[in-house]
Amino acid sequence: MELRKWFENWDLTKLKIKAGVLEAEWEPQEKDREAAWELYVELLTRVATQPLPSRHGDEKVALVSVYSLFEITREILRRKGRDCIEFAKIAIVVLNQIVRPFTAKWHRVELEGGFSNVATRSEFRTDLASLQKDLRNYTRLLADIAQVEDLTELSPDD
């Protein structure tokens, strides 16, 4: 299947990837499936994909959890090596185009003490909810790559 079709299936079409890469046949191998499984488990168990009710949780802790996806993904890529290049093609684009804009914006706000402001915390949670939607789609795609049952909707949304 073409990579473009994978993205369409999981509503990740806003990602910008060179046309040639999108048109190429995309067939994940065993190391890609292993890498996808590892990241899938991480995403399913983090605030990156789980609801953060308005009266619970902490914005700074949530930001740190989302930011940790960079190191987690890098570690998976280092351990799996060049044998998970198909996984890398997706993971790197998602980090750079979906996660990085969120963390870059909110890291600066956090450093400047913005989370002490109620309106800023509310805006953060709105942005987080938008990010979570994209990352739940990504999580579904990872389940498909890993060839496992998708448990993304196991818990009800708030």
N, C-alpha and C. Protein backbone atom coordinates (compact mmCIF):
# COMPACT_ATOMS: atom_id res chain seq x y z
N MET A 1 0.85 -1.18 0.00
CA MET A 1 0.00 0.00 0.00
C MET A 1 0.89 1.24 0.00
N GLU A 2 0.43 2.29 -0.64
CA GLU A 2 1.17 3.55 -0.64
C GLU A 2 1.08 4.20 0.74
N LEU A 3 2.13 4.91 1.11
CA LEU A 3 2.15 5.62 2.38
C LEU A 3 1.00 6.62 2.47
N ARG A 4 0.67 7.24 1.36
CA ARG A 4 -0.45 8.20 1.31
C ARG A 4 -1.73 7.54 1.82
N LYS A 5 -1.98 6.30 1.43
CA LYS A 5 -3.19 5.58 1.84
C LYS A 5 -3.19 5.33 3.35
N TRP A 6 -2.03 5.01 3.91
CA TRP A 6 -1.94 4.81 5.36
C TRP A 6 -2.37 6.08 6.07
N PHE A 7 -1.85 7.21 5.63
CA PHE A 7 -2.19 8.49 6.25
C PHE A 7 -3.67 8.82 6.08
N GLU A 8 -4.21 8.55 4.91
CA GLU A 8 -5.63 8.80 4.68
C GLU A 8 -6.49 7.94 5.59
N ASN A 9 -6.11 6.67 5.75
CA ASN A 9 -6.88 5.75 6.60
C ASN A 9 -6.99 6.25 8.03
N TRP A 10 -5.98 6.96 8.50
CA TRP A 10 -5.93 7.36 9.91
C TRP A 10 -6.02 8.87 10.08
N ASP A 11 -6.56 9.56 9.08
CA ASP A 11 -6.82 11.00 9.15
C ASP A 11 -5.58 11.79 9.55
N LEU A 12 -4.47 11.47 8.90
CA LEU A 12 -3.21 12.19 9.13
C LEU A 12 -2.74 12.86 7.84
N THR A 13 -3.68 13.28 7.03
CA THR A 13 -3.35 13.84 5.72
C THR A 13 -2.74 15.23 5.78
N LYS A 14 -2.81 15.89 6.93
CA LYS A 14 -2.21 17.23 7.02
C LYS A 14 -0.68 17.17 7.10
N LEU A 15 -0.12 15.99 7.30
CA LEU A 15 1.33 15.86 7.34
C LEU A 15 1.91 16.15 5.95
N LYS A 16 2.99 16.89 5.93
CA LYS A 16 3.62 17.25 4.66
C LYS A 16 4.83 16.35 4.44
N ILE A 17 4.76 15.58 3.37
CA ILE A 17 5.82 14.65 3.02
C ILE A 17 6.04 14.77 1.52
N LYS A 18 7.28 14.64 1.09
CA LYS A 18 7.58 14.73 -0.33
C LYS A 18 6.71 13.76 -1.12
N ALA A 19 6.23 14.22 -2.25
CA ALA A 19 5.29 13.44 -3.06
C ALA A 19 5.85 12.06 -3.41
N GLY A 20 7.11 11.99 -3.77
CA GLY A 20 7.70 10.69 -4.13
C GLY A 20 7.62 9.68 -3.01
N VAL A 21 7.83 10.13 -1.81
CA VAL A 21 7.76 9.24 -0.64
C VAL A 21 6.32 8.78 -0.44
N LEU A 22 5.37 9.71 -0.59
CA LEU A 22 3.96 9.37 -0.40
C LEU A 22 3.47 8.35 -1.42
N GLU A 23 4.03 8.40 -2.63
CA GLU A 23 3.59 7.50 -3.70
C GLU A 23 4.25 6.13 -3.61
N ALA A 24 5.34 6.04 -2.87
CA ALA A 24 6.08 4.78 -2.79
C ALA A 24 5.29 3.71 -2.07
N GLU A 25 5.53 2.48 -2.47
CA GLU A 25 4.92 1.35 -1.75
C GLU A 25 5.50 1.33 -0.36
N TRP A 26 4.67 1.06 0.58
CA TRP A 26 5.06 1.12 1.98
C TRP A 26 4.67 -0.18 2.64
N GLU A 27 5.65 -0.97 3.00
CA GLU A 27 5.38 -2.27 3.60
C GLU A 27 6.23 -2.43 4.85
N PRO A 28 5.61 -2.23 6.01
CA PRO A 28 6.38 -2.37 7.26
C PRO A 28 6.88 -3.80 7.45
N GLN A 29 8.10 -3.89 7.98
CA GLN A 29 8.71 -5.19 8.27
C GLN A 29 8.60 -5.48 9.77
N GLU A 30 9.14 -6.59 10.21
CA GLU A 30 9.01 -6.99 11.62
C GLU A 30 9.58 -5.94 12.57
N LYS A 31 10.74 -5.36 12.28
CA LYS A 31 11.31 -4.34 13.16
C LYS A 31 10.44 -3.09 13.19
N ASP A 32 9.79 -2.76 12.07
CA ASP A 32 8.85 -1.64 12.05
C ASP A 32 7.67 -1.94 12.98
N ARG A 33 7.17 -3.17 12.91
CA ARG A 33 6.05 -3.57 13.77
C ARG A 33 6.44 -3.53 15.24
N GLU A 34 7.65 -3.99 15.54
CA GLU A 34 8.13 -3.95 16.94
C GLU A 34 8.24 -2.50 17.43
N ALA A 35 8.80 -1.64 16.61
CA ALA A 35 8.95 -0.23 16.98
C ALA A 35 7.58 0.42 17.16
N ALA A 36 6.66 0.12 16.24
CA ALA A 36 5.31 0.67 16.33
C ALA A 36 4.63 0.22 17.62
N TRP A 37 4.80 -1.04 17.98
CA TRP A 37 4.21 -1.56 19.22
C TRP A 37 4.76 -0.80 20.44
N GLU A 38 6.06 -0.61 20.48
CA GLU A 38 6.66 0.08 21.63
C GLU A 38 6.11 1.50 21.78
N LEU A 39 6.03 2.23 20.68
CA LEU A 39 5.53 3.60 20.76
C LEU A 39 4.03 3.61 21.01
N TYR A 40 3.32 2.66 20.46
CA TYR A 40 1.88 2.51 20.68
C TYR A 40 1.58 2.39 22.17
N VAL A 41 2.31 1.54 22.86
CA VAL A 41 2.11 1.35 24.30
C VAL A 41 2.39 2.65 25.05
N GLU A 42 3.45 3.33 24.69
CA GLU A 42 3.78 4.61 25.34
C GLU A 42 2.67 5.64 25.14
N LEU A 43 2.19 5.76 23.91
CA LEU A 43 1.16 6.75 23.63
C LEU A 43 -0.16 6.44 24.33
N LEU A 44 -0.53 5.17 24.36
CA LEU A 44 -1.80 4.78 24.99
C LEU A 44 -1.84 5.09 26.48
N THR A 45 -0.67 5.19 27.09
CA THR A 45 -0.62 5.33 28.54
C THR A 45 -0.17 6.72 28.99
N ARG A 46 -0.24 7.68 28.10
CA ARG A 46 0.21 9.05 28.40
C ARG A 46 -0.90 10.05 28.16
N VAL A 47 -0.75 11.19 28.78
CA VAL A 47 -1.69 12.29 28.59
C VAL A 47 -1.71 12.74 27.13
N ALA A 48 -0.73 12.34 26.37
CA ALA A 48 -0.69 12.69 24.95
C ALA A 48 -1.93 12.18 24.21
N THR A 49 -2.53 11.11 24.69
CA THR A 49 -3.73 10.57 24.05
C THR A 49 -4.91 10.41 25.01
N GLN A 50 -4.69 10.62 26.27
CA GLN A 50 -5.74 10.40 27.27
C GLN A 50 -6.32 11.73 27.76
N PRO A 51 -7.59 11.73 28.10
CA PRO A 51 -8.22 12.97 28.57
C PRO A 51 -7.53 13.55 29.81
N LEU A 52 -7.52 14.86 29.88
CA LEU A 52 -7.02 15.57 31.06
C LEU A 52 -8.18 16.45 31.54
N PRO A 53 -9.01 15.89 32.44
CA PRO A 53 -10.19 16.64 32.90
C PRO A 53 -9.79 18.00 33.48
N SER A 54 -10.67 18.97 33.30
CA SER A 54 -10.36 20.36 33.65
C SER A 54 -9.99 20.56 35.11
N ARG A 55 -10.51 19.77 35.99
CA ARG A 55 -10.21 19.95 37.42
C ARG A 55 -9.12 19.01 37.92
N HIS A 56 -8.47 18.32 37.01
CA HIS A 56 -7.44 17.36 37.40
C HIS A 56 -6.16 17.58 36.61
N GLY A 57 -5.10 17.01 37.10
CA GLY A 57 -3.84 17.07 36.38
C GLY A 57 -3.13 18.40 36.51
N ASP A 58 -1.98 18.45 35.89
CA ASP A 58 -1.12 19.61 35.96
C ASP A 58 -0.57 19.88 34.56
N GLU A 59 -0.69 21.11 34.12
CA GLU A 59 -0.27 21.45 32.76
C GLU A 59 1.22 21.23 32.54
N LYS A 60 2.04 21.58 33.49
CA LYS A 60 3.49 21.40 33.33
C LYS A 60 3.84 19.92 33.20
N VAL A 61 3.24 19.09 34.02
CA VAL A 61 3.49 17.64 33.96
C VAL A 61 3.00 17.09 32.62
N ALA A 62 1.85 17.57 32.15
CA ALA A 62 1.33 17.14 30.85
C ALA A 62 2.29 17.52 29.73
N LEU A 63 2.83 18.74 29.79
CA LEU A 63 3.79 19.20 28.78
C LEU A 63 5.04 18.33 28.79
N VAL A 64 5.54 18.01 29.95
CA VAL A 64 6.73 17.15 30.06
C VAL A 64 6.44 15.77 29.47
N SER A 65 5.25 15.24 29.73
CA SER A 65 4.88 13.93 29.20
C SER A 65 4.85 13.95 27.67
N VAL A 66 4.27 15.00 27.10
CA VAL A 66 4.24 15.11 25.64
C VAL A 66 5.65 15.25 25.10
N TYR A 67 6.46 16.10 25.74
CA TYR A 67 7.83 16.31 25.29
C TYR A 67 8.65 15.02 25.33
N SER A 68 8.36 14.16 26.29
CA SER A 68 9.12 12.91 26.42
C SER A 68 8.96 12.00 25.21
N LEU A 69 7.97 12.25 24.38
CA LEU A 69 7.79 11.44 23.17
C LEU A 69 9.00 11.54 22.25
N PHE A 70 9.71 12.67 22.29
CA PHE A 70 10.92 12.81 21.46
C PHE A 70 11.97 11.79 21.89
N GLU A 71 12.29 11.75 23.17
CA GLU A 71 13.33 10.84 23.65
C GLU A 71 12.90 9.38 23.51
N ILE A 72 11.64 9.10 23.78
CA ILE A 72 11.14 7.73 23.64
C ILE A 72 11.28 7.27 22.20
N THR A 73 10.86 8.11 21.26
CA THR A 73 10.94 7.74 19.84
C THR A 73 12.39 7.60 19.40
N ARG A 74 13.24 8.52 19.82
CA ARG A 74 14.67 8.42 19.47
C ARG A 74 15.27 7.13 19.98
N GLU A 75 14.95 6.78 21.21
CA GLU A 75 15.49 5.54 21.80
C GLU A 75 15.03 4.32 21.02
N ILE A 76 13.76 4.29 20.65
CA ILE A 76 13.25 3.17 19.85
C ILE A 76 14.00 3.10 18.52
N LEU A 77 14.16 4.25 17.88
CA LEU A 77 14.86 4.27 16.58
C LEU A 77 16.31 3.83 16.72
N ARG A 78 16.98 4.25 17.79
CA ARG A 78 18.37 3.83 17.99
C ARG A 78 18.46 2.32 18.21
N ARG A 79 17.58 1.78 19.04
CA ARG A 79 17.64 0.35 19.35
C ARG A 79 17.28 -0.52 18.16
N LYS A 80 16.27 -0.11 17.40
CA LYS A 80 15.83 -0.91 16.26
C LYS A 80 16.72 -0.70 15.04
N GLY A 81 17.40 0.42 15.01
CA GLY A 81 18.36 0.67 13.93
C GLY A 81 17.71 0.86 12.58
N ARG A 82 18.52 0.60 11.58
CA ARG A 82 18.08 0.84 10.20
C ARG A 82 17.03 -0.15 9.72
N ASP A 83 16.76 -1.16 10.52
CA ASP A 83 15.77 -2.15 10.12
C ASP A 83 14.33 -1.69 10.33
N CYS A 84 14.15 -0.49 10.85
CA CYS A 84 12.78 0.02 11.03
C CYS A 84 12.61 1.36 10.30
N ILE A 85 13.11 1.41 9.10
CA ILE A 85 13.09 2.66 8.33
C ILE A 85 11.67 3.10 7.98
N GLU A 86 10.77 2.16 7.76
CA GLU A 86 9.38 2.53 7.43
C GLU A 86 8.73 3.22 8.63
N PHE A 87 8.96 2.67 9.82
CA PHE A 87 8.47 3.30 11.05
C PHE A 87 9.08 4.69 11.21
N ALA A 88 10.37 4.80 10.94
CA ALA A 88 11.07 6.08 11.08
C ALA A 88 10.46 7.15 10.17
N LYS A 89 10.07 6.77 8.97
CA LYS A 89 9.49 7.73 8.03
C LYS A 89 8.25 8.40 8.61
N ILE A 90 7.48 7.67 9.36
CA ILE A 90 6.26 8.22 9.96
C ILE A 90 6.59 8.92 11.27
N ALA A 91 7.34 8.25 12.13
CA ALA A 91 7.60 8.77 13.48
C ALA A 91 8.29 10.13 13.44
N ILE A 92 9.26 10.30 12.58
CA ILE A 92 10.00 11.55 12.50
C ILE A 92 9.10 12.68 12.02
N VAL A 93 8.28 12.40 11.03
CA VAL A 93 7.37 13.42 10.51
C VAL A 93 6.34 13.82 11.58
N VAL A 94 5.79 12.86 12.30
CA VAL A 94 4.82 13.17 13.35
C VAL A 94 5.48 14.01 14.45
N LEU A 95 6.67 13.64 14.87
CA LEU A 95 7.36 14.43 15.89
C LEU A 95 7.58 15.86 15.43
N ASN A 96 8.09 16.01 14.22
CA ASN A 96 8.46 17.34 13.74
C ASN A 96 7.28 18.20 13.32
N GLN A 97 6.20 17.60 12.83
CA GLN A 97 5.09 18.39 12.31
C GLN A 97 3.89 18.48 13.25
N ILE A 98 3.74 17.54 14.16
CA ILE A 98 2.60 17.56 15.07
C ILE A 98 3.04 17.89 16.50
N VAL A 99 4.03 17.18 17.01
CA VAL A 99 4.41 17.34 18.41
C VAL A 99 5.27 18.59 18.62
N ARG A 100 6.26 18.81 17.77
CA ARG A 100 7.20 19.93 17.97
C ARG A 100 6.52 21.30 18.02
N PRO A 101 5.60 21.63 17.13
CA PRO A 101 4.97 22.96 17.24
C PRO A 101 4.26 23.15 18.60
N PHE A 102 3.63 22.11 19.09
CA PHE A 102 2.97 22.19 20.39
C PHE A 102 3.98 22.40 21.51
N THR A 103 5.01 21.58 21.55
CA THR A 103 5.98 21.69 22.65
C THR A 103 6.78 22.99 22.57
N ALA A 104 7.10 23.45 21.37
CA ALA A 104 7.84 24.70 21.22
C ALA A 104 7.04 25.88 21.76
N LYS A 105 5.78 25.92 21.42
CA LYS A 105 4.92 27.01 21.89
C LYS A 105 4.80 26.98 23.41
N TRP A 106 4.49 25.82 23.95
CA TRP A 106 4.15 25.74 25.37
C TRP A 106 5.37 25.69 26.28
N HIS A 107 6.50 25.28 25.76
CA HIS A 107 7.71 25.30 26.58
C HIS A 107 8.07 26.75 26.93
N ARG A 108 8.00 27.61 25.96
CA ARG A 108 8.29 29.04 26.18
C ARG A 108 7.32 29.62 27.21
N VAL A 109 6.04 29.32 27.05
CA VAL A 109 5.03 29.83 27.98
C VAL A 109 5.32 29.34 29.40
N GLU A 110 5.66 28.08 29.51
CA GLU A 110 5.95 27.49 30.83
C GLU A 110 7.17 28.16 31.45
N LEU A 111 8.22 28.38 30.66
CA LEU A 111 9.43 29.04 31.18
C LEU A 111 9.15 30.44 31.69
N GLU A 112 8.21 31.11 31.06
CA GLU A 112 7.86 32.48 31.45
C GLU A 112 6.81 32.53 32.56
N GLY A 113 6.47 31.37 33.13
CA GLY A 113 5.52 31.32 34.23
C GLY A 113 4.07 31.42 33.81
N GLY A 114 3.78 31.18 32.55
CA GLY A 114 2.43 31.33 32.03
C GLY A 114 1.39 30.41 32.62
N PHE A 115 1.82 29.28 33.14
CA PHE A 115 0.85 28.34 33.69
C PHE A 115 0.26 28.80 35.03
N SER A 116 0.74 29.92 35.55
CA SER A 116 0.13 30.47 36.76
C SER A 116 -1.15 31.24 36.42
N ASN A 117 -1.38 31.49 35.14
CA ASN A 117 -2.54 32.23 34.67
C ASN A 117 -3.66 31.26 34.26
N VAL A 118 -4.85 31.46 34.80
CA VAL A 118 -5.98 30.57 34.53
C VAL A 118 -6.32 30.53 33.04
N ALA A 119 -6.33 31.67 32.38
CA ALA A 119 -6.66 31.72 30.96
C ALA A 119 -5.62 30.97 30.13
N THR A 120 -4.36 31.08 30.50
CA THR A 120 -3.29 30.39 29.79
C THR A 120 -3.41 28.88 29.98
N ARG A 121 -3.72 28.46 31.19
CA ARG A 121 -3.92 27.03 31.43
C ARG A 121 -5.09 26.49 30.60
N SER A 122 -6.13 27.27 30.49
CA SER A 122 -7.29 26.88 29.69
C SER A 122 -6.92 26.76 28.21
N GLU A 123 -6.14 27.72 27.71
CA GLU A 123 -5.69 27.67 26.32
C GLU A 123 -4.80 26.45 26.09
N PHE A 124 -3.92 26.16 27.05
CA PHE A 124 -3.07 24.98 26.95
C PHE A 124 -3.92 23.72 26.79
N ARG A 125 -4.94 23.60 27.63
CA ARG A 125 -5.78 22.41 27.60
C ARG A 125 -6.55 22.31 26.28
N THR A 126 -6.94 23.44 25.71
CA THR A 126 -7.59 23.42 24.41
C THR A 126 -6.62 22.93 23.34
N ASP A 127 -5.41 23.47 23.36
CA ASP A 127 -4.38 23.02 22.41
C ASP A 127 -4.04 21.55 22.62
N LEU A 128 -3.96 21.13 23.88
CA LEU A 128 -3.67 19.73 24.19
C LEU A 128 -4.75 18.83 23.63
N ALA A 129 -6.02 19.22 23.76
CA ALA A 129 -7.12 18.41 23.23
C ALA A 129 -6.99 18.23 21.71
N SER A 130 -6.57 19.29 21.02
CA SER A 130 -6.36 19.20 19.58
C SER A 130 -5.20 18.25 19.25
N LEU A 131 -4.11 18.39 19.99
CA LEU A 131 -2.96 17.50 19.82
C LEU A 131 -3.36 16.05 20.09
N GLN A 132 -4.13 15.84 21.14
CA GLN A 132 -4.55 14.48 21.50
C GLN A 132 -5.33 13.83 20.37
N LYS A 133 -6.18 14.59 19.70
CA LYS A 133 -6.93 14.04 18.57
C LYS A 133 -5.99 13.51 17.51
N ASP A 134 -4.99 14.33 17.14
CA ASP A 134 -4.02 13.90 16.13
C ASP A 134 -3.22 12.70 16.61
N LEU A 135 -2.82 12.72 17.87
CA LEU A 135 -2.00 11.62 18.39
C LEU A 135 -2.81 10.34 18.58
N ARG A 136 -4.11 10.45 18.82
CA ARG A 136 -4.95 9.24 18.86
C ARG A 136 -5.02 8.62 17.46
N ASN A 137 -5.11 9.46 16.43
CA ASN A 137 -5.08 8.94 15.05
C ASN A 137 -3.74 8.26 14.78
N TYR A 138 -2.68 8.88 15.22
CA TYR A 138 -1.33 8.30 15.07
C TYR A 138 -1.26 6.97 15.82
N THR A 139 -1.84 6.92 17.00
CA THR A 139 -1.83 5.69 17.79
C THR A 139 -2.57 4.58 17.05
N ARG A 140 -3.67 4.92 16.42
CA ARG A 140 -4.41 3.92 15.63
C ARG A 140 -3.56 3.40 14.47
N LEU A 141 -2.85 4.32 13.82
CA LEU A 141 -1.96 3.92 12.73
C LEU A 141 -0.88 2.98 13.26
N LEU A 142 -0.31 3.29 14.43
CA LEU A 142 0.72 2.43 15.03
C LEU A 142 0.17 1.05 15.34
N ALA A 143 -1.06 0.98 15.83
CA ALA A 143 -1.69 -0.33 16.09
C ALA A 143 -1.79 -1.13 14.80
N ASP A 144 -2.16 -0.46 13.73
CA ASP A 144 -2.26 -1.12 12.43
C ASP A 144 -0.90 -1.63 11.98
N ILE A 145 0.12 -0.80 12.11
CA ILE A 145 1.47 -1.23 11.73
C ILE A 145 1.91 -2.42 12.58
N ALA A 146 1.66 -2.33 13.88
CA ALA A 146 2.07 -3.39 14.81
C ALA A 146 1.22 -4.65 14.68
N GLN A 147 0.13 -4.55 13.95
CA GLN A 147 -0.81 -5.66 13.74
C GLN A 147 -1.38 -6.14 15.08
N VAL A 148 -1.85 -5.18 15.87
CA VAL A 148 -2.47 -5.49 17.16
C VAL A 148 -3.85 -4.82 17.21
N GLU A 149 -4.65 -5.30 18.13
CA GLU A 149 -5.96 -4.70 18.34
C GLU A 149 -5.78 -3.27 18.81
N ASP A 150 -6.56 -2.37 18.24
CA ASP A 150 -6.47 -0.96 18.63
C ASP A 150 -7.26 -0.75 19.92
N LEU A 151 -6.58 -0.31 20.95
CA LEU A 151 -7.21 -0.07 22.25
C LEU A 151 -7.37 1.43 22.53
N THR A 152 -7.24 2.24 21.49
CA THR A 152 -7.29 3.69 21.64
C THR A 152 -8.58 4.14 22.31
N GLU A 153 -9.69 3.53 21.97
CA GLU A 153 -10.98 3.95 22.51
C GLU A 153 -11.41 3.08 23.69
N LEU A 154 -10.49 2.42 24.34
CA LEU A 154 -10.81 1.57 25.48
C LEU A 154 -11.43 2.36 26.62
N SER A 155 -10.92 3.57 26.84
CA SER A 155 -11.45 4.44 27.89
C SER A 155 -12.33 5.50 27.25
N PRO A 156 -13.45 5.85 27.90
CA PRO A 156 -14.31 6.89 27.31
C PRO A 156 -13.67 8.26 27.43
N ASP A 157 -13.95 9.13 26.45
CA ASP A 157 -13.51 10.53 26.50
C ASP A 157 -14.36 11.27 27.53
N ASP A 158 -13.80 12.32 28.12
CA ASP A 158 -14.57 13.17 29.03
C ASP A 158 -15.41 14.16 28.27
